[in-house]
Structure formats: structure tokens, C-alpha cells
């Protein structure tokens, strides 16, 4: 049985992902992709897309590029959905009001 996390600390995730990117001098595409996801979860969707583009540029093999491109397309779909539903402007994992 798959367990779901009930409460995610998206601010902490963003801080830790940013530290990983900084530590790697923004040269590790997986860290940059993780940072992009943390940005998205904190409501910074445009920044997330830009970071995912950077991750794709950093990838050094085609398999990784393919996976990162899929991730980017997923983020773009989620971003469009969020734009169509402006009442969902809160971060992705924030508690409901």
C-alpha cells in the first residue's frame, strides 16, 4: 500500500532544493529539476518552467533529456490548468482555507 504524505513542507523543500542547486553550482540537471518542482509547488510556476528548461540544457544524455522534457510538459499542463482556474492560486500543497 502506497502511503501519502499528509503535510508537505513546501517552503523547506524549496530551501533545500535551492541549496542543492547552489552546492552543485547549478550543474546537476536532476537538482535543477527538483528545484523546479519545488518552485511550482510554492506557486512560482513561471520560474519552475525556466528552471526545467535549464535542466534539459544541462542533461548530458538523451534518456535524461527525454525524461526532463516529459517533466517540463507536465509542468506546462499543470500551469495551464492553474491559469484556467484562478481560484487555485494558492501553492499546490497548501491547506485548503
N, C-alpha and C. Protein backbone atom coordinates (compact mmCIF):
# COMPACT_ATOMS: atom_id res chain seq x y z
N UNK A 1 0.83 -1.18 0.00
CA UNK A 1 0.00 0.00 0.00
C UNK A 1 0.88 1.25 0.00
N UNK A 2 0.56 2.14 -0.88
CA UNK A 2 1.34 3.37 -1.02
C UNK A 2 0.85 4.41 -0.01
N UNK A 3 1.77 4.94 0.75
CA UNK A 3 1.42 5.96 1.75
C UNK A 3 1.51 7.34 1.13
N UNK A 4 0.60 8.17 1.51
CA UNK A 4 0.61 9.55 1.06
C UNK A 4 1.08 10.45 2.19
N UNK A 5 1.85 11.44 1.83
CA UNK A 5 2.29 12.42 2.81
C UNK A 5 1.12 13.35 3.08
N UNK A 6 0.76 13.49 4.34
CA UNK A 6 -0.39 14.33 4.69
C UNK A 6 -0.03 15.81 4.68
N UNK A 7 1.11 16.13 5.20
CA UNK A 7 1.53 17.54 5.26
C UNK A 7 2.92 17.67 4.68
N UNK A 8 3.01 18.42 3.60
CA UNK A 8 4.30 18.66 2.96
C UNK A 8 4.77 20.06 3.32
N UNK A 9 6.03 20.17 3.68
CA UNK A 9 6.61 21.48 3.98
C UNK A 9 7.25 21.99 2.70
N UNK A 10 6.43 22.65 1.87
CA UNK A 10 6.91 23.08 0.55
C UNK A 10 7.95 24.18 0.64
N UNK A 11 7.89 24.98 1.68
CA UNK A 11 8.90 26.03 1.84
C UNK A 11 10.26 25.41 2.17
N UNK A 12 10.26 24.41 3.04
CA UNK A 12 11.51 23.72 3.35
C UNK A 12 12.05 23.01 2.12
N UNK A 13 11.15 22.37 1.36
CA UNK A 13 11.58 21.69 0.13
C UNK A 13 12.24 22.67 -0.84
N UNK A 14 11.66 23.86 -0.96
CA UNK A 14 12.24 24.88 -1.83
C UNK A 14 13.62 25.29 -1.35
N UNK A 15 13.75 25.51 -0.06
CA UNK A 15 15.05 25.91 0.51
C UNK A 15 16.11 24.84 0.28
N UNK A 16 15.74 23.59 0.53
CA UNK A 16 16.72 22.50 0.38
C UNK A 16 17.08 22.27 -1.08
N UNK A 17 16.10 22.36 -1.96
CA UNK A 17 16.39 22.18 -3.40
C UNK A 17 17.30 23.30 -3.90
N UNK A 18 17.05 24.51 -3.45
CA UNK A 18 17.90 25.64 -3.85
C UNK A 18 19.32 25.44 -3.35
N UNK A 19 19.46 24.94 -2.14
CA UNK A 19 20.80 24.68 -1.60
C UNK A 19 21.54 23.63 -2.44
N UNK A 20 20.81 22.60 -2.85
CA UNK A 20 21.44 21.56 -3.69
C UNK A 20 21.91 22.14 -5.01
N UNK A 21 21.08 22.99 -5.61
CA UNK A 21 21.46 23.64 -6.88
C UNK A 21 22.68 24.52 -6.66
N UNK A 22 22.67 25.30 -5.60
CA UNK A 22 23.82 26.17 -5.31
C UNK A 22 25.08 25.35 -5.06
N UNK A 23 24.94 24.27 -4.30
CA UNK A 23 26.09 23.42 -3.98
C UNK A 23 26.70 22.83 -5.25
N UNK A 24 25.85 22.46 -6.20
CA UNK A 24 26.34 21.87 -7.45
C UNK A 24 26.74 22.94 -8.47
N UNK A 25 26.65 24.20 -8.08
CA UNK A 25 26.91 25.32 -8.97
C UNK A 25 26.00 25.26 -10.19
N UNK A 26 24.77 24.79 -9.95
CA UNK A 26 23.72 24.69 -10.98
C UNK A 26 24.19 23.86 -12.18
N UNK A 27 24.97 22.81 -11.91
CA UNK A 27 25.48 21.97 -12.98
C UNK A 27 24.85 20.57 -13.00
N UNK A 28 24.02 20.26 -12.01
CA UNK A 28 23.40 18.95 -11.93
C UNK A 28 21.94 19.06 -12.39
N UNK A 29 21.60 18.48 -13.54
CA UNK A 29 20.25 18.64 -14.07
C UNK A 29 19.16 18.07 -13.17
N UNK A 30 19.47 17.02 -12.42
CA UNK A 30 18.48 16.44 -11.52
C UNK A 30 18.17 17.38 -10.36
N UNK A 31 19.18 18.05 -9.84
CA UNK A 31 18.95 19.01 -8.76
C UNK A 31 18.14 20.20 -9.29
N UNK A 32 18.47 20.64 -10.48
CA UNK A 32 17.74 21.78 -11.07
C UNK A 32 16.28 21.40 -11.31
N UNK A 33 16.04 20.18 -11.76
CA UNK A 33 14.67 19.70 -11.96
C UNK A 33 13.91 19.63 -10.64
N UNK A 34 14.56 19.13 -9.61
CA UNK A 34 13.93 19.08 -8.28
C UNK A 34 13.60 20.48 -7.80
N UNK A 35 14.50 21.40 -8.02
CA UNK A 35 14.26 22.81 -7.66
C UNK A 35 13.06 23.35 -8.42
N UNK A 36 12.95 23.00 -9.69
CA UNK A 36 11.81 23.44 -10.50
C UNK A 36 10.50 22.94 -9.90
N UNK A 37 10.47 21.69 -9.49
CA UNK A 37 9.25 21.14 -8.88
C UNK A 37 8.92 21.87 -7.57
N UNK A 38 9.95 22.17 -6.79
CA UNK A 38 9.72 22.89 -5.53
C UNK A 38 9.19 24.30 -5.82
N UNK A 39 9.72 24.94 -6.84
CA UNK A 39 9.21 26.26 -7.22
C UNK A 39 7.73 26.17 -7.59
N UNK A 40 7.39 25.18 -8.40
CA UNK A 40 5.99 25.02 -8.81
C UNK A 40 5.10 24.80 -7.59
N UNK A 41 5.52 23.95 -6.69
CA UNK A 41 4.72 23.65 -5.51
C UNK A 41 4.56 24.87 -4.60
N UNK A 42 5.43 25.85 -4.76
CA UNK A 42 5.33 27.09 -4.00
C UNK A 42 4.62 28.20 -4.78
N UNK A 43 4.02 27.84 -5.91
CA UNK A 43 3.24 28.80 -6.68
C UNK A 43 4.04 29.63 -7.67
N UNK A 44 5.31 29.31 -7.85
CA UNK A 44 6.18 30.07 -8.75
C UNK A 44 6.30 29.31 -10.07
N UNK A 45 5.19 29.27 -10.80
CA UNK A 45 5.11 28.40 -11.98
C UNK A 45 5.99 28.85 -13.13
N UNK A 46 6.08 30.13 -13.38
CA UNK A 46 6.93 30.62 -14.48
C UNK A 46 8.40 30.32 -14.20
N UNK A 47 8.82 30.52 -12.96
CA UNK A 47 10.20 30.21 -12.58
C UNK A 47 10.46 28.70 -12.71
N UNK A 48 9.46 27.90 -12.39
CA UNK A 48 9.60 26.46 -12.49
C UNK A 48 9.87 26.04 -13.93
N UNK A 49 9.12 26.61 -14.86
CA UNK A 49 9.32 26.27 -16.28
C UNK A 49 10.73 26.66 -16.72
N UNK A 50 11.18 27.83 -16.33
CA UNK A 50 12.53 28.26 -16.72
C UNK A 50 13.61 27.33 -16.16
N UNK A 51 13.45 26.91 -14.91
CA UNK A 51 14.44 26.00 -14.33
C UNK A 51 14.42 24.64 -15.01
N UNK A 52 13.24 24.18 -15.40
CA UNK A 52 13.18 22.89 -16.10
C UNK A 52 13.86 22.99 -17.48
N UNK A 53 13.72 24.13 -18.12
CA UNK A 53 14.43 24.32 -19.39
C UNK A 53 15.93 24.25 -19.18
N UNK A 54 16.41 24.85 -18.09
CA UNK A 54 17.83 24.81 -17.78
C UNK A 54 18.29 23.37 -17.51
N UNK A 55 17.45 22.61 -16.81
CA UNK A 55 17.80 21.22 -16.52
C UNK A 55 17.97 20.42 -17.81
N UNK A 56 17.08 20.65 -18.77
CA UNK A 56 17.18 19.96 -20.07
C UNK A 56 18.48 20.32 -20.76
N UNK A 57 18.85 21.58 -20.73
CA UNK A 57 20.10 22.02 -21.35
C UNK A 57 21.32 21.36 -20.70
N UNK A 58 21.23 21.12 -19.39
CA UNK A 58 22.35 20.53 -18.66
C UNK A 58 22.49 19.03 -18.86
N UNK A 59 21.41 18.38 -19.22
CA UNK A 59 21.43 16.92 -19.34
C UNK A 59 22.46 16.47 -20.37
N UNK A 60 23.22 15.44 -20.00
CA UNK A 60 24.31 15.01 -20.89
C UNK A 60 24.01 13.72 -21.64
N UNK A 61 22.79 13.20 -21.51
CA UNK A 61 22.44 12.04 -22.32
C UNK A 61 20.97 12.13 -22.74
N UNK A 62 20.65 11.45 -23.80
CA UNK A 62 19.32 11.57 -24.40
C UNK A 62 18.20 11.00 -23.53
N UNK A 63 18.48 9.95 -22.78
CA UNK A 63 17.46 9.39 -21.90
C UNK A 63 17.05 10.40 -20.83
N UNK A 64 18.05 11.06 -20.25
CA UNK A 64 17.75 12.06 -19.23
C UNK A 64 17.01 13.24 -19.86
N UNK A 65 17.44 13.68 -21.03
CA UNK A 65 16.76 14.79 -21.71
C UNK A 65 15.30 14.44 -21.97
N UNK A 66 15.04 13.20 -22.39
CA UNK A 66 13.68 12.76 -22.65
C UNK A 66 12.82 12.83 -21.40
N UNK A 67 13.36 12.34 -20.28
CA UNK A 67 12.61 12.37 -19.02
C UNK A 67 12.37 13.81 -18.56
N UNK A 68 13.37 14.65 -18.70
CA UNK A 68 13.21 16.05 -18.29
C UNK A 68 12.22 16.79 -19.18
N UNK A 69 12.19 16.45 -20.45
CA UNK A 69 11.21 17.07 -21.36
C UNK A 69 9.80 16.65 -20.97
N UNK A 70 9.62 15.40 -20.59
CA UNK A 70 8.31 14.94 -20.12
C UNK A 70 7.90 15.71 -18.87
N UNK A 71 8.84 15.90 -17.99
CA UNK A 71 8.58 16.65 -16.76
C UNK A 71 8.18 18.09 -17.08
N UNK A 72 8.87 18.69 -18.04
CA UNK A 72 8.54 20.06 -18.45
C UNK A 72 7.13 20.13 -19.03
N UNK A 73 6.78 19.19 -19.87
CA UNK A 73 5.44 19.19 -20.46
C UNK A 73 4.37 19.01 -19.39
N UNK A 74 4.64 18.18 -18.41
CA UNK A 74 3.71 18.00 -17.31
C UNK A 74 3.53 19.30 -16.53
N UNK A 75 4.63 19.99 -16.28
CA UNK A 75 4.56 21.27 -15.57
C UNK A 75 3.78 22.29 -16.39
N UNK A 76 3.99 22.33 -17.69
CA UNK A 76 3.25 23.26 -18.53
C UNK A 76 1.75 22.97 -18.49
N UNK A 77 1.38 21.68 -18.49
CA UNK A 77 -0.04 21.31 -18.40
C UNK A 77 -0.63 21.75 -17.07
N UNK A 78 0.12 21.50 -16.01
CA UNK A 78 -0.36 21.90 -14.67
C UNK A 78 -0.47 23.42 -14.57
N UNK A 79 0.48 24.10 -15.19
CA UNK A 79 0.46 25.57 -15.17
C UNK A 79 -0.77 26.11 -15.91
N UNK A 80 -1.07 25.54 -17.08
CA UNK A 80 -2.25 25.96 -17.85
C UNK A 80 -3.52 25.71 -17.05
N UNK A 81 -3.57 24.56 -16.39
CA UNK A 81 -4.74 24.25 -15.57
C UNK A 81 -4.91 25.28 -14.47
N UNK A 82 -3.81 25.64 -13.86
CA UNK A 82 -3.86 26.64 -12.78
C UNK A 82 -4.30 28.00 -13.32
N UNK A 83 -3.87 28.34 -14.54
CA UNK A 83 -4.26 29.61 -15.14
C UNK A 83 -5.74 29.63 -15.49
N UNK A 84 -6.29 28.46 -15.89
CA UNK A 84 -7.71 28.38 -16.22
C UNK A 84 -8.59 28.46 -14.98
N UNK A 85 -8.01 28.13 -13.83
CA UNK A 85 -8.76 28.13 -12.58
C UNK A 85 -8.07 29.09 -11.60
N UNK A 86 -8.28 30.38 -11.79
CA UNK A 86 -7.55 31.37 -10.97
C UNK A 86 -7.84 31.27 -9.48
N UNK A 87 -8.94 30.62 -9.10
CA UNK A 87 -9.23 30.47 -7.68
C UNK A 87 -8.25 29.50 -7.01
N UNK A 88 -7.45 28.80 -7.81
CA UNK A 88 -6.45 27.88 -7.29
C UNK A 88 -5.07 28.53 -7.31
N UNK A 89 -4.98 29.75 -6.83
CA UNK A 89 -3.70 30.47 -6.88
C UNK A 89 -2.81 30.13 -5.70
N UNK A 90 -3.34 29.42 -4.73
CA UNK A 90 -2.51 29.03 -3.59
C UNK A 90 -1.47 28.01 -4.04
N UNK A 91 -0.39 27.86 -3.30
CA UNK A 91 0.59 26.85 -3.65
C UNK A 91 -0.05 25.47 -3.78
N UNK A 92 0.55 24.61 -4.55
CA UNK A 92 -0.03 23.31 -4.88
C UNK A 92 -0.38 22.47 -3.67
N UNK A 93 0.37 22.56 -2.60
CA UNK A 93 0.14 21.70 -1.46
C UNK A 93 -0.22 22.47 -0.20
N UNK A 94 -0.71 23.67 -0.35
CA UNK A 94 -1.14 24.46 0.80
C UNK A 94 -2.47 23.91 1.30
N UNK A 95 -2.72 24.01 2.59
CA UNK A 95 -4.01 23.53 3.10
C UNK A 95 -5.15 24.38 2.56
N UNK A 96 -6.28 23.76 2.40
CA UNK A 96 -7.46 24.49 1.93
C UNK A 96 -7.88 25.49 2.99
N UNK A 97 -8.42 26.65 2.54
CA UNK A 97 -8.85 27.66 3.53
C UNK A 97 -10.03 27.19 4.33
